Amino acid sequence: MDITTISMDPNTWVKGEQKDYKMFVLEVSVLQDNKGRVFSSHRFQNESDNALAHSLPSCGLEQIAHALLLEAIRRETYLDVILKMQDQPNLLKAYMSGTDTDKEAMALELSQHMEEILKRLITKISPSVSVELLKDLSERESLREATSADEKA
């Protein structure tokens, strides 16, 4: 598939299986408790989205992980630019009026800053996520049964 044939504008995407792509919808729930901690969960919008995702390699797990990570990076980058604009009100004007070399340098600087921020976030969050995931998976009856069947075979 040629990526240039698919619009990057999600408003033009059509849900379901299309000639050049497959598109399904995930809903993400976000909760912030009174202590400021943020939790999230996601699920398919409906059963047809679930079925379409499961028709993909690895039942859509890779596509979902990549898409959610991409959205997280976009949101963190957006937040970073908005915060920078408070200190540098002419940031976007400088970008728009800059040469191609200036624009590349600004994008590279932003990218490197985001890598640092994301590395700190991942280091902070991944231990508790790992515990949560392992606990959740170990409590699922179907996975315990599959593991037991594999051990007996």
N, C-alpha and C. Protein backbone atom coordinates (compact mmCIF):
# COMPACT_ATOMS: atom_id res chain seq x y z
N MET A 1 0.84 -1.18 0.00
CA MET A 1 0.00 0.00 0.00
C MET A 1 0.89 1.24 0.00
N ASP A 2 0.55 2.18 -0.82
CA ASP A 2 1.28 3.44 -0.90
C ASP A 2 0.66 4.42 0.09
N ILE A 3 1.44 4.80 1.10
CA ILE A 3 0.92 5.67 2.15
C ILE A 3 0.43 6.99 1.60
N THR A 4 0.96 7.42 0.47
CA THR A 4 0.54 8.70 -0.09
C THR A 4 -0.89 8.66 -0.60
N THR A 5 -1.48 7.47 -0.76
CA THR A 5 -2.86 7.39 -1.24
C THR A 5 -3.86 7.57 -0.11
N ILE A 6 -3.40 7.55 1.13
CA ILE A 6 -4.29 7.70 2.28
C ILE A 6 -4.07 9.09 2.87
N SER A 7 -5.15 9.83 3.02
CA SER A 7 -5.07 11.17 3.61
C SER A 7 -4.69 11.05 5.07
N MET A 8 -3.83 11.93 5.52
CA MET A 8 -3.47 11.94 6.93
C MET A 8 -4.52 12.69 7.74
N ASP A 9 -5.52 13.26 7.08
CA ASP A 9 -6.61 13.95 7.76
C ASP A 9 -7.63 12.92 8.21
N PRO A 10 -7.72 12.65 9.52
CA PRO A 10 -8.63 11.60 9.99
C PRO A 10 -10.10 11.90 9.68
N ASN A 11 -10.43 13.13 9.37
CA ASN A 11 -11.81 13.47 9.01
C ASN A 11 -12.21 12.85 7.68
N THR A 12 -11.24 12.40 6.89
CA THR A 12 -11.54 11.79 5.59
C THR A 12 -11.52 10.26 5.65
N TRP A 13 -11.13 9.69 6.79
CA TRP A 13 -11.07 8.24 6.91
C TRP A 13 -12.46 7.66 6.98
N VAL A 14 -12.62 6.48 6.42
CA VAL A 14 -13.91 5.79 6.46
C VAL A 14 -13.72 4.50 7.26
N LYS A 15 -14.55 4.35 8.27
CA LYS A 15 -14.46 3.20 9.16
C LYS A 15 -14.76 1.91 8.41
N GLY A 16 -14.04 0.86 8.76
CA GLY A 16 -14.27 -0.45 8.16
C GLY A 16 -13.15 -0.83 7.22
N GLU A 17 -13.41 -1.87 6.44
CA GLU A 17 -12.40 -2.35 5.49
C GLU A 17 -12.62 -1.65 4.15
N GLN A 18 -11.61 -0.89 3.74
CA GLN A 18 -11.67 -0.13 2.49
C GLN A 18 -10.70 -0.75 1.49
N LYS A 19 -10.69 -0.22 0.28
CA LYS A 19 -9.81 -0.76 -0.77
C LYS A 19 -8.34 -0.71 -0.36
N ASP A 20 -7.91 0.40 0.23
CA ASP A 20 -6.50 0.61 0.54
C ASP A 20 -6.14 0.51 2.02
N TYR A 21 -7.12 0.32 2.86
CA TYR A 21 -6.82 0.30 4.30
C TYR A 21 -7.98 -0.29 5.09
N LYS A 22 -7.67 -0.55 6.37
CA LYS A 22 -8.69 -0.98 7.34
C LYS A 22 -8.65 0.04 8.48
N MET A 23 -9.83 0.49 8.93
CA MET A 23 -9.88 1.48 9.99
C MET A 23 -10.91 1.08 11.03
N PHE A 24 -10.47 1.03 12.29
CA PHE A 24 -11.40 0.73 13.38
C PHE A 24 -11.25 1.81 14.44
N VAL A 25 -12.22 1.87 15.33
CA VAL A 25 -12.25 2.93 16.34
C VAL A 25 -12.04 2.34 17.73
N LEU A 26 -11.14 2.99 18.46
CA LEU A 26 -10.94 2.71 19.89
C LEU A 26 -11.44 3.91 20.66
N GLU A 27 -12.05 3.66 21.78
CA GLU A 27 -12.44 4.73 22.69
C GLU A 27 -11.48 4.69 23.87
N VAL A 28 -10.96 5.85 24.24
CA VAL A 28 -10.05 5.95 25.37
C VAL A 28 -10.74 6.71 26.49
N SER A 29 -10.77 6.10 27.67
CA SER A 29 -11.33 6.76 28.85
C SER A 29 -10.17 7.27 29.70
N VAL A 30 -10.30 8.48 30.19
CA VAL A 30 -9.25 9.10 31.01
C VAL A 30 -9.87 9.49 32.34
N LEU A 31 -9.21 9.12 33.43
CA LEU A 31 -9.66 9.45 34.77
C LEU A 31 -8.53 10.13 35.51
N GLN A 32 -8.82 11.26 36.14
CA GLN A 32 -7.85 11.90 37.03
C GLN A 32 -8.46 11.93 38.42
N ASP A 33 -7.75 11.31 39.39
CA ASP A 33 -8.29 11.28 40.75
C ASP A 33 -7.97 12.58 41.48
N ASN A 34 -8.45 12.69 42.69
CA ASN A 34 -8.27 13.92 43.48
C ASN A 34 -6.82 14.17 43.86
N LYS A 35 -5.97 13.17 43.72
CA LYS A 35 -4.55 13.34 44.00
C LYS A 35 -3.78 13.76 42.75
N GLY A 36 -4.47 13.87 41.61
CA GLY A 36 -3.83 14.29 40.37
C GLY A 36 -3.29 13.15 39.54
N ARG A 37 -3.47 11.92 40.01
CA ARG A 37 -3.00 10.77 39.24
C ARG A 37 -3.93 10.54 38.06
N VAL A 38 -3.35 10.15 36.93
CA VAL A 38 -4.14 9.93 35.71
C VAL A 38 -4.14 8.44 35.38
N PHE A 39 -5.32 7.93 35.07
CA PHE A 39 -5.49 6.54 34.68
C PHE A 39 -6.21 6.53 33.33
N SER A 40 -6.00 5.47 32.58
CA SER A 40 -6.68 5.38 31.29
C SER A 40 -7.06 3.94 31.00
N SER A 41 -8.00 3.82 30.10
CA SER A 41 -8.46 2.52 29.63
C SER A 41 -8.94 2.72 28.20
N HIS A 42 -8.90 1.66 27.42
CA HIS A 42 -9.43 1.77 26.06
C HIS A 42 -10.21 0.51 25.71
N ARG A 43 -11.11 0.69 24.76
CA ARG A 43 -11.91 -0.44 24.28
C ARG A 43 -12.36 -0.12 22.86
N PHE A 44 -12.80 -1.15 22.16
CA PHE A 44 -13.34 -0.94 20.82
C PHE A 44 -14.67 -0.22 20.93
N GLN A 45 -14.97 0.60 19.93
CA GLN A 45 -16.24 1.31 19.94
C GLN A 45 -17.41 0.34 19.84
N ASN A 46 -17.25 -0.71 19.02
CA ASN A 46 -18.31 -1.71 18.90
C ASN A 46 -17.71 -3.03 18.42
N GLU A 47 -18.55 -4.02 18.28
CA GLU A 47 -18.08 -5.36 17.93
C GLU A 47 -17.47 -5.42 16.53
N SER A 48 -17.95 -4.60 15.59
CA SER A 48 -17.36 -4.62 14.24
C SER A 48 -15.92 -4.10 14.28
N ASP A 49 -15.64 -3.14 15.16
CA ASP A 49 -14.25 -2.67 15.33
C ASP A 49 -13.38 -3.77 15.91
N ASN A 50 -13.92 -4.48 16.89
CA ASN A 50 -13.21 -5.60 17.50
C ASN A 50 -12.89 -6.66 16.44
N ALA A 51 -13.90 -7.00 15.63
CA ALA A 51 -13.70 -8.03 14.60
C ALA A 51 -12.67 -7.59 13.57
N LEU A 52 -12.73 -6.34 13.16
CA LEU A 52 -11.77 -5.85 12.17
C LEU A 52 -10.35 -5.87 12.73
N ALA A 53 -10.18 -5.41 13.96
CA ALA A 53 -8.86 -5.44 14.58
C ALA A 53 -8.33 -6.86 14.67
N HIS A 54 -9.20 -7.80 15.03
CA HIS A 54 -8.77 -9.19 15.16
C HIS A 54 -8.46 -9.85 13.81
N SER A 55 -8.84 -9.20 12.72
CA SER A 55 -8.48 -9.72 11.39
C SER A 55 -7.07 -9.31 10.98
N LEU A 56 -6.46 -8.43 11.75
CA LEU A 56 -5.11 -7.96 11.45
C LEU A 56 -4.08 -8.89 12.08
N PRO A 57 -2.83 -8.81 11.61
CA PRO A 57 -1.77 -9.60 12.26
C PRO A 57 -1.72 -9.28 13.76
N SER A 58 -1.48 -10.27 14.54
CA SER A 58 -1.44 -10.21 16.01
C SER A 58 -2.74 -9.64 16.59
N CYS A 59 -3.82 -9.88 15.88
CA CYS A 59 -5.17 -9.45 16.32
C CYS A 59 -5.24 -7.95 16.59
N GLY A 60 -4.41 -7.19 15.92
CA GLY A 60 -4.43 -5.74 16.05
C GLY A 60 -3.63 -5.19 17.21
N LEU A 61 -3.00 -6.07 18.01
CA LEU A 61 -2.26 -5.59 19.19
C LEU A 61 -1.15 -4.61 18.81
N GLU A 62 -0.39 -4.93 17.78
CA GLU A 62 0.71 -4.05 17.36
C GLU A 62 0.17 -2.72 16.84
N GLN A 63 -0.89 -2.78 16.04
CA GLN A 63 -1.45 -1.56 15.47
C GLN A 63 -2.00 -0.64 16.58
N ILE A 64 -2.67 -1.25 17.55
CA ILE A 64 -3.21 -0.46 18.66
C ILE A 64 -2.09 0.15 19.49
N ALA A 65 -1.09 -0.65 19.82
CA ALA A 65 0.03 -0.14 20.63
C ALA A 65 0.72 1.01 19.90
N HIS A 66 0.97 0.83 18.60
CA HIS A 66 1.64 1.87 17.83
C HIS A 66 0.78 3.13 17.76
N ALA A 67 -0.52 2.97 17.50
CA ALA A 67 -1.41 4.13 17.37
C ALA A 67 -1.52 4.90 18.69
N LEU A 68 -1.66 4.18 19.80
CA LEU A 68 -1.76 4.87 21.09
C LEU A 68 -0.46 5.55 21.47
N LEU A 69 0.66 4.91 21.15
CA LEU A 69 1.96 5.54 21.41
C LEU A 69 2.13 6.79 20.55
N LEU A 70 1.77 6.69 19.29
CA LEU A 70 1.85 7.84 18.39
C LEU A 70 1.01 9.00 18.92
N GLU A 71 -0.21 8.71 19.36
CA GLU A 71 -1.07 9.76 19.90
C GLU A 71 -0.48 10.35 21.19
N ALA A 72 0.11 9.51 22.03
CA ALA A 72 0.73 10.01 23.26
C ALA A 72 1.89 10.95 22.93
N ILE A 73 2.71 10.57 21.97
CA ILE A 73 3.84 11.43 21.57
C ILE A 73 3.32 12.74 20.98
N ARG A 74 2.29 12.66 20.14
CA ARG A 74 1.70 13.89 19.58
C ARG A 74 1.22 14.82 20.70
N ARG A 75 0.49 14.25 21.66
CA ARG A 75 -0.08 15.06 22.75
C ARG A 75 1.02 15.67 23.60
N GLU A 76 2.04 14.89 23.94
CA GLU A 76 3.14 15.41 24.74
C GLU A 76 3.89 16.51 23.98
N THR A 77 4.07 16.33 22.68
CA THR A 77 4.75 17.34 21.86
C THR A 77 3.90 18.60 21.78
N TYR A 78 2.61 18.43 21.59
CA TYR A 78 1.69 19.57 21.55
C TYR A 78 1.77 20.36 22.86
N LEU A 79 1.71 19.65 23.98
CA LEU A 79 1.81 20.29 25.29
C LEU A 79 3.13 21.05 25.42
N ASP A 80 4.22 20.44 25.00
CA ASP A 80 5.53 21.07 25.10
C ASP A 80 5.59 22.35 24.27
N VAL A 81 5.06 22.32 23.05
CA VAL A 81 5.08 23.52 22.20
C VAL A 81 4.22 24.62 22.81
N ILE A 82 3.04 24.27 23.32
CA ILE A 82 2.18 25.27 23.96
C ILE A 82 2.88 25.91 25.15
N LEU A 83 3.56 25.10 25.96
CA LEU A 83 4.29 25.65 27.11
C LEU A 83 5.45 26.54 26.66
N LYS A 84 6.15 26.12 25.61
CA LYS A 84 7.26 26.94 25.09
C LYS A 84 6.75 28.28 24.56
N MET A 85 5.55 28.27 23.97
CA MET A 85 5.00 29.50 23.40
C MET A 85 4.68 30.52 24.50
N GLN A 86 4.49 30.08 25.73
CA GLN A 86 4.27 31.03 26.82
C GLN A 86 5.52 31.85 27.08
N ASP A 87 6.68 31.20 26.96
CA ASP A 87 7.95 31.90 27.16
C ASP A 87 8.47 32.53 25.87
N GLN A 88 8.08 31.96 24.75
CA GLN A 88 8.55 32.44 23.43
C GLN A 88 7.33 32.69 22.54
N PRO A 89 6.63 33.82 22.74
CA PRO A 89 5.39 34.06 21.99
C PRO A 89 5.56 34.07 20.47
N ASN A 90 6.75 34.31 20.00
CA ASN A 90 6.99 34.36 18.55
C ASN A 90 7.52 33.04 17.98
N LEU A 91 7.40 31.97 18.74
CA LEU A 91 7.94 30.68 18.32
C LEU A 91 7.41 30.24 16.96
N LEU A 92 6.09 30.25 16.79
CA LEU A 92 5.52 29.81 15.51
C LEU A 92 5.84 30.78 14.38
N LYS A 93 5.87 32.07 14.70
CA LYS A 93 6.23 33.06 13.68
C LYS A 93 7.67 32.82 13.21
N ALA A 94 8.56 32.53 14.16
CA ALA A 94 9.95 32.23 13.81
C ALA A 94 10.04 30.99 12.94
N TYR A 95 9.22 29.99 13.28
CA TYR A 95 9.22 28.77 12.48
C TYR A 95 8.72 29.05 11.06
N MET A 96 7.59 29.74 10.97
CA MET A 96 6.99 30.00 9.66
C MET A 96 7.88 30.88 8.78
N SER A 97 8.61 31.81 9.37
CA SER A 97 9.44 32.72 8.58
C SER A 97 10.86 32.19 8.38
N GLY A 98 11.18 31.09 9.02
CA GLY A 98 12.53 30.54 8.93
C GLY A 98 12.81 29.86 7.60
N THR A 99 14.07 29.67 7.34
CA THR A 99 14.49 28.92 6.15
C THR A 99 14.23 27.44 6.40
N ASP A 100 14.36 26.64 5.38
CA ASP A 100 14.20 25.20 5.55
C ASP A 100 15.19 24.67 6.58
N THR A 101 16.40 25.21 6.58
CA THR A 101 17.43 24.80 7.54
C THR A 101 17.01 25.19 8.95
N ASP A 102 16.46 26.39 9.11
CA ASP A 102 15.99 26.84 10.42
C ASP A 102 14.86 25.94 10.93
N LYS A 103 13.93 25.61 10.02
CA LYS A 103 12.80 24.77 10.40
C LYS A 103 13.26 23.38 10.81
N GLU A 104 14.21 22.82 10.07
CA GLU A 104 14.75 21.51 10.42
C GLU A 104 15.42 21.55 11.78
N ALA A 105 16.17 22.63 12.04
CA ALA A 105 16.87 22.75 13.33
C ALA A 105 15.87 22.87 14.47
N MET A 106 14.80 23.65 14.27
CA MET A 106 13.78 23.78 15.31
C MET A 106 13.08 22.45 15.57
N ALA A 107 12.76 21.74 14.50
CA ALA A 107 12.10 20.44 14.65
C ALA A 107 13.02 19.45 15.34
N LEU A 108 14.29 19.45 14.99
CA LEU A 108 15.25 18.54 15.63
C LEU A 108 15.39 18.86 17.11
N GLU A 109 15.47 20.14 17.45
CA GLU A 109 15.56 20.54 18.86
C GLU A 109 14.33 20.09 19.64
N LEU A 110 13.15 20.28 19.05
CA LEU A 110 11.92 19.84 19.69
C LEU A 110 11.91 18.33 19.85
N SER A 111 12.31 17.62 18.81
CA SER A 111 12.34 16.17 18.84
C SER A 111 13.28 15.66 19.94
N GLN A 112 14.44 16.23 20.03
CA GLN A 112 15.40 15.80 21.05
C GLN A 112 14.88 16.08 22.46
N HIS A 113 14.23 17.24 22.61
CA HIS A 113 13.65 17.58 23.92
C HIS A 113 12.55 16.59 24.27
N MET A 114 11.73 16.22 23.29
CA MET A 114 10.65 15.27 23.53
C MET A 114 11.21 13.89 23.90
N GLU A 115 12.29 13.48 23.27
CA GLU A 115 12.91 12.20 23.60
C GLU A 115 13.33 12.17 25.06
N GLU A 116 13.88 13.28 25.55
CA GLU A 116 14.29 13.37 26.96
C GLU A 116 13.07 13.28 27.88
N ILE A 117 12.03 14.04 27.55
CA ILE A 117 10.82 14.04 28.37
C ILE A 117 10.20 12.64 28.40
N LEU A 118 10.05 12.03 27.22
CA LEU A 118 9.42 10.71 27.13
C LEU A 118 10.25 9.65 27.83
N LYS A 119 11.56 9.74 27.75
CA LYS A 119 12.41 8.77 28.45
C LYS A 119 12.17 8.86 29.96
N ARG A 120 12.09 10.09 30.48
CA ARG A 120 11.82 10.26 31.92
C ARG A 120 10.45 9.70 32.28
N LEU A 121 9.44 9.99 31.45
CA LEU A 121 8.09 9.48 31.73
C LEU A 121 8.05 7.96 31.69
N ILE A 122 8.68 7.38 30.68
CA ILE A 122 8.68 5.92 30.56
C ILE A 122 9.38 5.29 31.75
N THR A 123 10.51 5.86 32.15
CA THR A 123 11.25 5.34 33.30
C THR A 123 10.40 5.41 34.57
N LYS A 124 9.62 6.47 34.70
CA LYS A 124 8.78 6.66 35.89
C LYS A 124 7.56 5.74 35.87
N ILE A 125 6.95 5.56 34.71
CA ILE A 125 5.67 4.86 34.61
C ILE A 125 5.80 3.36 34.37
N SER A 126 6.80 2.93 33.62
CA SER A 126 6.86 1.52 33.19
C SER A 126 6.92 0.50 34.32
N PRO A 127 7.57 0.76 35.47
CA PRO A 127 7.55 -0.26 36.52
C PRO A 127 6.13 -0.58 37.01
N SER A 128 5.32 0.45 37.27
CA SER A 128 3.97 0.18 37.77
C SER A 128 3.08 -0.40 36.68
N VAL A 129 3.29 0.01 35.44
CA VAL A 129 2.52 -0.57 34.33
C VAL A 129 2.84 -2.05 34.18
N SER A 130 4.11 -2.40 34.33
CA SER A 130 4.52 -3.80 34.21
C SER A 130 3.87 -4.66 35.29
N VAL A 131 3.87 -4.18 36.51
CA VAL A 131 3.23 -4.91 37.60
C VAL A 131 1.73 -5.05 37.33
N GLU A 132 1.09 -3.95 36.94
CA GLU A 132 -0.35 -3.96 36.66
C GLU A 132 -0.69 -4.97 35.56
N LEU A 133 0.08 -4.97 34.49
CA LEU A 133 -0.19 -5.87 33.37
C LEU A 133 0.01 -7.33 33.76
N LEU A 134 1.11 -7.64 34.41
CA LEU A 134 1.37 -9.02 34.81
C LEU A 134 0.31 -9.53 35.77
N LYS A 135 -0.10 -8.67 36.70
CA LYS A 135 -1.16 -9.05 37.64
C LYS A 135 -2.46 -9.30 36.90
N ASP A 136 -2.82 -8.38 36.00
CA ASP A 136 -4.06 -8.51 35.24
C ASP A 136 -4.06 -9.78 34.40
N LEU A 137 -2.98 -10.02 33.69
CA LEU A 137 -2.92 -11.22 32.83
C LEU A 137 -2.94 -12.50 33.65
N SER A 138 -2.27 -12.49 34.79
CA SER A 138 -2.24 -13.71 35.61
C SER A 138 -3.59 -14.02 36.24
N GLU A 139 -4.45 -13.01 36.35
CA GLU A 139 -5.78 -13.22 36.93
C GLU A 139 -6.82 -13.63 35.90
N ARG A 140 -6.47 -13.60 34.64
CA ARG A 140 -7.44 -13.97 33.60
C ARG A 140 -7.52 -15.48 33.48
N GLU A 141 -8.69 -16.00 33.72
CA GLU A 141 -8.93 -17.45 33.72
C GLU A 141 -8.52 -18.08 32.39
N SER A 142 -8.88 -17.47 31.27
CA SER A 142 -8.58 -18.06 29.96
C SER A 142 -7.08 -18.20 29.73
N LEU A 143 -6.30 -17.23 30.20
CA LEU A 143 -4.85 -17.31 30.03
C LEU A 143 -4.24 -18.36 30.95
N ARG A 144 -4.78 -18.46 32.16
CA ARG A 144 -4.27 -19.49 33.08
C ARG A 144 -4.56 -20.87 32.52
N GLU A 145 -5.75 -21.05 31.95
CA GLU A 145 -6.10 -22.35 31.36
C GLU A 145 -5.22 -22.67 30.17
N ALA A 146 -4.94 -21.67 29.33
CA ALA A 146 -4.08 -21.90 28.16
C ALA A 146 -2.67 -22.25 28.60
N THR A 147 -2.18 -21.56 29.64
CA THR A 147 -0.84 -21.84 30.15
C THR A 147 -0.78 -23.25 30.73
N SER A 148 -1.82 -23.65 31.46
CA SER A 148 -1.87 -25.00 32.02
C SER A 148 -1.89 -26.06 30.92
N ALA A 149 -2.66 -25.81 29.86
CA ALA A 149 -2.73 -26.75 28.74
C ALA A 149 -1.38 -26.89 28.05
N ASP A 150 -0.66 -25.77 27.90
CA ASP A 150 0.67 -25.80 27.27
C ASP A 150 1.65 -26.59 28.11
N GLU A 151 1.56 -26.46 29.44
CA GLU A 151 2.47 -27.18 30.33
C GLU A 151 2.20 -28.68 30.30
N LYS A 152 0.93 -29.07 30.12
CA LYS A 152 0.59 -30.50 30.10
C LYS A 152 0.98 -31.15 28.78
N ALA A 153 1.06 -30.36 27.73
CA ALA A 153 1.36 -30.91 26.39
C ALA A 153 2.80 -31.30 26.24
